[in-house]
Amino acid sequence: MVKAIILGLGLFVLWFLLSGYTIPLILTFGVLSCILCVWLAARMDLIDEEAVPLQLRAGISSYWGWLGREIAKANWAVVKIILRPRLNLDQQLIYVPTSQKTDMGKVIYANSITLTPGTITVETEPGKFLVHAITGDFTDPEGLAEMDRRVTAIESRT
C-alpha cells in the first residue's frame, strides 16, 4: 500500500510539474488520472521493487549529482574532440565488468554509461557489459570502476 501511495504521489508531482495547471477542475482530472494509473498498475501486479524502488532513495541524490558532473566532463571532452582540426577517433569496444546483484542496479549502471557522452552500452552479458567508446580516453578502467562502485553502493543500501 505504501508503494502505491508513493507511486501515486510521484505521478501527480510529475504531472503537475509538466502541466503547471492550477485550475481546480484540471487538478481534479490530474489526480483522477494518477489514481487510475496506480489502480491499473496494482491490478496488473506491477507495483513491486522495480516499479517503486524505495530502496534507492538513500543514495540516489548524491549519485545523480556525481553523475551530472561526470556527464559535464565527458561533454567537454567530446566537444574538444569535435572541434579539433583533425578528428582523431580511436573507436573501441571493451568489456566492462559489473558487480551489481539486482536487475535495477544493472540497469542504472548500463544507463549511466550510455548517458555519459562518448560511450554507449551495446550489449549486456552476465557479469559484464560490452561498451563502445569513441576514443580510448573514454575507456578509463578507473572511471568505469568508480561508476560501478557507486551504483553497487546505492544498490546495497536496501
C-alpha atoms as a PDB file:
ATOM      1  CA  MET A   1       0.000   0.000   0.000  1.00  0.00           C
ATOM      2  CA  VAL A   2       2.873   2.397   0.805  1.00  0.00           C
ATOM      3  CA  LYS A   3       4.414   1.816  -2.614  1.00  0.00           C
ATOM      4  CA  ALA A   4       1.082   2.528  -4.318  1.00  0.00           C
ATOM      5  CA  ILE A   5       0.716   5.809  -2.422  1.00  0.00           C
ATOM      6  CA  ILE A   6       4.292   6.849  -3.200  1.00  0.00           C
ATOM      7  CA  LEU A   7       3.799   5.917  -6.859  1.00  0.00           C
ATOM      8  CA  GLY A   8       0.593   7.973  -6.969  1.00  0.00           C
ATOM      9  CA  LEU A   9       2.249  10.982  -5.346  1.00  0.00           C
ATOM     10  CA  GLY A  10       5.221  10.712  -7.691  1.00  0.00           C
ATOM     11  CA  LEU A  11       2.944  10.529 -10.716  1.00  0.00           C
ATOM     12  CA  PHE A  12       0.963  13.550  -9.549  1.00  0.00           C
ATOM     13  CA  VAL A  13       4.098  15.616  -8.865  1.00  0.00           C
ATOM     14  CA  LEU A  14       5.416  14.743 -12.317  1.00  0.00           C
ATOM     15  CA  TRP A  15       2.049  15.576 -13.897  1.00  0.00           C
ATOM     16  CA  PHE A  16       1.885  18.893 -12.057  1.00  0.00           C
ATOM     17  CA  LEU A  17       5.459  19.875 -12.960  1.00  0.00           C
ATOM     18  CA  LEU A  18       4.888  19.060 -16.604  1.00  0.00           C
ATOM     19  CA  SER A  19       1.450  20.665 -16.894  1.00  0.00           C
ATOM     20  CA  GLY A  20       1.673  23.582 -14.480  1.00  0.00           C
ATOM     21  CA  TYR A  21      -2.106  23.923 -14.256  1.00  0.00           C
ATOM     22  CA  THR A  22      -3.645  25.186 -11.015  1.00  0.00           C
ATOM     23  CA  ILE A  23      -7.279  25.312 -12.158  1.00  0.00           C
ATOM     24  CA  PRO A  24      -9.312  23.139  -9.725  1.00  0.00           C
ATOM     25  CA  LEU A  25     -11.081  21.158 -12.466  1.00  0.00           C
ATOM     26  CA  ILE A  26      -7.796  20.354 -14.246  1.00  0.00           C
ATOM     27  CA  LEU A  27      -6.146  19.443 -10.926  1.00  0.00           C
ATOM     28  CA  THR A  28      -9.039  17.089 -10.221  1.00  0.00           C
ATOM     29  CA  PHE A  29      -8.585  15.436 -13.602  1.00  0.00           C
ATOM     30  CA  GLY A  30      -4.858  15.102 -12.886  1.00  0.00           C
ATOM     31  CA  VAL A  31      -5.500  13.453  -9.512  1.00  0.00           C
ATOM     32  CA  LEU A  32      -8.083  11.116 -11.032  1.00  0.00           C
ATOM     33  CA  SER A  33      -5.753  10.119 -13.875  1.00  0.00           C
ATOM     34  CA  CYS A  34      -2.970   9.348 -11.385  1.00  0.00           C
ATOM     35  CA  ILE A  35      -5.365   7.286  -9.249  1.00  0.00           C
ATOM     36  CA  LEU A  36      -6.474   5.400 -12.363  1.00  0.00           C
ATOM     37  CA  CYS A  37      -2.843   4.695 -13.340  1.00  0.00           C
ATOM     38  CA  VAL A  38      -1.995   3.402  -9.864  1.00  0.00           C
ATOM     39  CA  TRP A  39      -5.162   1.270  -9.788  1.00  0.00           C
ATOM     40  CA  LEU A  40      -4.327  -0.225 -13.202  1.00  0.00           C
ATOM     41  CA  ALA A  41      -0.740  -0.887 -12.136  1.00  0.00           C
ATOM     42  CA  ALA A  42      -1.978  -2.602  -8.959  1.00  0.00           C
ATOM     43  CA  ARG A  43      -4.485  -4.700 -10.932  1.00  0.00           C
ATOM     44  CA  MET A  44      -1.707  -5.778 -13.288  1.00  0.00           C
ATOM     45  CA  ASP A  45       0.502  -6.591 -10.264  1.00  0.00           C
ATOM     46  CA  LEU A  46       3.201  -4.159 -11.410  1.00  0.00           C
ATOM     47  CA  ILE A  47       3.819  -2.355  -8.135  1.00  0.00           C
ATOM     48  CA  ASP A  48       6.951  -4.055  -6.851  1.00  0.00           C
ATOM     49  CA  GLU A  49      10.584  -3.265  -6.012  1.00  0.00           C
ATOM     50  CA  GLU A  50      11.389  -2.335  -9.618  1.00  0.00           C
ATOM     51  CA  ALA A  51       8.349  -0.139 -10.240  1.00  0.00           C
ATOM     52  CA  VAL A  52       8.770   1.797  -6.995  1.00  0.00           C
ATOM     53  CA  PRO A  53      12.441   1.426  -5.994  1.00  0.00           C
ATOM     54  CA  LEU A  54      12.189   2.733  -2.432  1.00  0.00           C
ATOM     55  CA  GLN A  55      15.468   1.023  -1.593  1.00  0.00           C
ATOM     56  CA  LEU A  56      17.335   3.518  -3.797  1.00  0.00           C
ATOM     57  CA  ARG A  57      16.096   6.677  -2.079  1.00  0.00           C
ATOM     58  CA  ALA A  58      19.000   6.910   0.385  1.00  0.00           C
ATOM     59  CA  GLY A  59      21.883   7.481  -2.003  1.00  0.00           C
ATOM     60  CA  ILE A  60      20.353   8.248  -5.366  1.00  0.00           C
ATOM     61  CA  SER A  61      20.508  12.042  -4.982  1.00  0.00           C
ATOM     62  CA  SER A  62      24.230  12.107  -4.332  1.00  0.00           C
ATOM     63  CA  TYR A  63      24.738   9.664  -7.207  1.00  0.00           C
ATOM     64  CA  TRP A  64      22.764  11.920  -9.562  1.00  0.00           C
ATOM     65  CA  GLY A  65      24.979  14.843  -8.564  1.00  0.00           C
ATOM     66  CA  TRP A  66      28.133  12.842  -9.178  1.00  0.00           C
ATOM     67  CA  LEU A  67      26.780  11.516 -12.488  1.00  0.00           C
ATOM     68  CA  GLY A  68      25.850  15.054 -13.570  1.00  0.00           C
ATOM     69  CA  ARG A  69      29.452  16.171 -13.034  1.00  0.00           C
ATOM     70  CA  GLU A  70      30.741  13.157 -14.978  1.00  0.00           C
ATOM     71  CA  ILE A  71      28.357  13.901 -17.836  1.00  0.00           C
ATOM     72  CA  ALA A  72      29.551  17.527 -17.926  1.00  0.00           C
ATOM     73  CA  LYS A  73      33.213  16.434 -18.015  1.00  0.00           C
ATOM     74  CA  ALA A  74      32.509  13.925 -20.779  1.00  0.00           C
ATOM     75  CA  ASN A  75      30.567  16.563 -22.741  1.00  0.00           C
ATOM     76  CA  TRP A  76      33.584  18.854 -22.599  1.00  0.00           C
ATOM     77  CA  ALA A  77      35.868  16.034 -23.769  1.00  0.00           C
ATOM     78  CA  VAL A  78      33.557  15.290 -26.723  1.00  0.00           C
ATOM     79  CA  VAL A  79      33.432  18.993 -27.643  1.00  0.00           C
ATOM     80  CA  LYS A  80      37.240  19.117 -27.683  1.00  0.00           C
ATOM     81  CA  ILE A  81      37.355  16.070 -29.961  1.00  0.00           C
ATOM     82  CA  ILE A  82      34.809  17.563 -32.356  1.00  0.00           C
ATOM     83  CA  LEU A  83      36.489  20.979 -32.530  1.00  0.00           C
ATOM     84  CA  ARG A  84      39.953  19.627 -33.326  1.00  0.00           C
ATOM     85  CA  PRO A  85      41.100  20.386 -36.869  1.00  0.00           C
ATOM     86  CA  ARG A  86      41.840  16.691 -37.394  1.00  0.00           C
ATOM     87  CA  LEU A  87      39.174  14.420 -35.995  1.00  0.00           C
ATOM     88  CA  ASN A  88      41.146  11.693 -34.235  1.00  0.00           C
ATOM     89  CA  LEU A  89      38.764   8.903 -33.385  1.00  0.00           C
ATOM     90  CA  ASP A  90      40.037   5.706 -31.843  1.00  0.00           C
ATOM     91  CA  GLN A  91      36.799   3.790 -31.503  1.00  0.00           C
ATOM     92  CA  GLN A  92      36.891   0.836 -29.165  1.00  0.00           C
ATOM     93  CA  LEU A  93      34.656  -1.935 -27.931  1.00  0.00           C
ATOM     94  CA  ILE A  94      35.553  -3.108 -24.451  1.00  0.00           C
ATOM     95  CA  TYR A  95      34.045  -5.407 -21.875  1.00  0.00           C
ATOM     96  CA  VAL A  96      33.318  -3.738 -18.565  1.00  0.00           C
ATOM     97  CA  PRO A  97      32.830  -5.966 -15.505  1.00  0.00           C
ATOM     98  CA  THR A  98      29.731  -5.421 -13.377  1.00  0.00           C
ATOM     99  CA  SER A  99      29.284  -6.095  -9.676  1.00  0.00           C
ATOM    100  CA  GLN A 100      25.571  -5.354  -9.333  1.00  0.00           C
ATOM    101  CA  LYS A 101      23.330  -8.106  -7.978  1.00  0.00           C
ATOM    102  CA  THR A 102      19.887  -6.840  -8.994  1.00  0.00           C
ATOM    103  CA  ASP A 103      18.429  -6.022 -12.379  1.00  0.00           C
ATOM    104  CA  MET A 104      17.730  -2.473 -11.165  1.00  0.00           C
ATOM    105  CA  GLY A 105      21.407  -1.972 -10.326  1.00  0.00           C
ATOM    106  CA  LYS A 106      22.499  -3.295 -13.715  1.00  0.00           C
ATOM    107  CA  VAL A 107      20.022  -1.020 -15.497  1.00  0.00           C
ATOM    108  CA  ILE A 108      21.257   2.015 -13.564  1.00  0.00           C
ATOM    109  CA  TYR A 109      24.874   1.179 -14.390  1.00  0.00           C
ATOM    110  CA  ALA A 110      24.232   0.493 -18.090  1.00  0.00           C
ATOM    111  CA  ASN A 111      22.159   3.667 -18.457  1.00  0.00           C
ATOM    112  CA  SER A 112      24.790   5.704 -16.616  1.00  0.00           C
ATOM    113  CA  ILE A 113      27.413   4.533 -19.108  1.00  0.00           C
ATOM    114  CA  THR A 114      25.102   5.390 -22.004  1.00  0.00           C
ATOM    115  CA  LEU A 115      24.212   8.807 -20.546  1.00  0.00           C
ATOM    116  CA  THR A 116      27.880   9.728 -20.423  1.00  0.00           C
ATOM    117  CA  PRO A 117      28.746  11.229 -23.837  1.00  0.00           C
ATOM    118  CA  GLY A 118      31.281   9.278 -25.839  1.00  0.00           C
ATOM    119  CA  THR A 119      30.197   5.877 -24.539  1.00  0.00           C
ATOM    120  CA  ILE A 120      27.250   3.580 -25.036  1.00  0.00           C
ATOM    121  CA  THR A 121      26.368   0.199 -23.577  1.00  0.00           C
ATOM    122  CA  VAL A 122      25.923  -2.050 -26.590  1.00  0.00           C
ATOM    123  CA  GLU A 123      25.256  -5.411 -25.016  1.00  0.00           C
ATOM    124  CA  THR A 124      24.729  -6.928 -21.594  1.00  0.00           C
ATOM    125  CA  GLU A 125      26.032 -10.313 -20.602  1.00  0.00           C
ATOM    126  CA  PRO A 126      26.170 -11.999 -17.208  1.00  0.00           C
ATOM    127  CA  GLY A 127      28.815 -10.168 -15.195  1.00  0.00           C
ATOM    128  CA  LYS A 128      29.858  -7.732 -17.936  1.00  0.00           C
ATOM    129  CA  PHE A 129      28.718  -5.108 -20.430  1.00  0.00           C
ATOM    130  CA  LEU A 130      30.027  -4.501 -23.918  1.00  0.00           C
ATOM    131  CA  VAL A 131      30.706  -0.758 -24.189  1.00  0.00           C
ATOM    132  CA  HIS A 132      31.521   1.279 -27.302  1.00  0.00           C
ATOM    133  CA  ALA A 133      33.687   4.385 -26.831  1.00  0.00           C
ATOM    134  CA  ILE A 134      34.696   6.972 -29.413  1.00  0.00           C
ATOM    135  CA  THR A 135      38.261   7.181 -28.087  1.00  0.00           C
ATOM    136  CA  GLY A 136      40.454   5.305 -25.667  1.00  0.00           C
ATOM    137  CA  ASP A 137      40.173   8.172 -23.176  1.00  0.00           C
ATOM    138  CA  PHE A 138      36.569   7.193 -22.519  1.00  0.00           C
ATOM    139  CA  THR A 139      37.510   3.617 -21.614  1.00  0.00           C
ATOM    140  CA  ASP A 140      39.411   4.592 -18.475  1.00  0.00           C
ATOM    141  CA  PRO A 141      39.151   1.496 -16.237  1.00  0.00           C
ATOM    142  CA  GLU A 142      39.360   3.562 -13.052  1.00  0.00           C
ATOM    143  CA  GLY A 143      36.473   5.809 -14.084  1.00  0.00           C
ATOM    144  CA  LEU A 144      34.246   2.898 -15.058  1.00  0.00           C
ATOM    145  CA  ALA A 145      35.190   1.058 -11.860  1.00  0.00           C
ATOM    146  CA  GLU A 146      34.257   4.165  -9.839  1.00  0.00           C
ATOM    147  CA  MET A 147      30.843   4.288 -11.531  1.00  0.00           C
ATOM    148  CA  ASP A 148      30.382   0.564 -10.884  1.00  0.00           C
ATOM    149  CA  ARG A 149      31.323   1.011  -7.231  1.00  0.00           C
ATOM    150  CA  ARG A 150      28.898   3.912  -6.745  1.00  0.00           C
ATOM    151  CA  VAL A 151      25.980   2.067  -8.343  1.00  0.00           C
ATOM    152  CA  THR A 152      26.706  -1.020  -6.251  1.00  0.00           C
ATOM    153  CA  ALA A 153      26.766   1.161  -3.113  1.00  0.00           C
ATOM    154  CA  ILE A 154      23.312   2.535  -3.951  1.00  0.00           C
ATOM    155  CA  GLU A 155      22.022  -0.926  -4.689  1.00  0.00           C
ATOM    156  CA  SER A 156      23.333  -2.423  -1.436  1.00  0.00           C
ATOM    157  CA  ARG A 157      21.557   0.140   0.784  1.00  0.00           C
ATOM    158  CA  THR A 158      18.387  -1.968   0.739  1.00  0.00           C
END
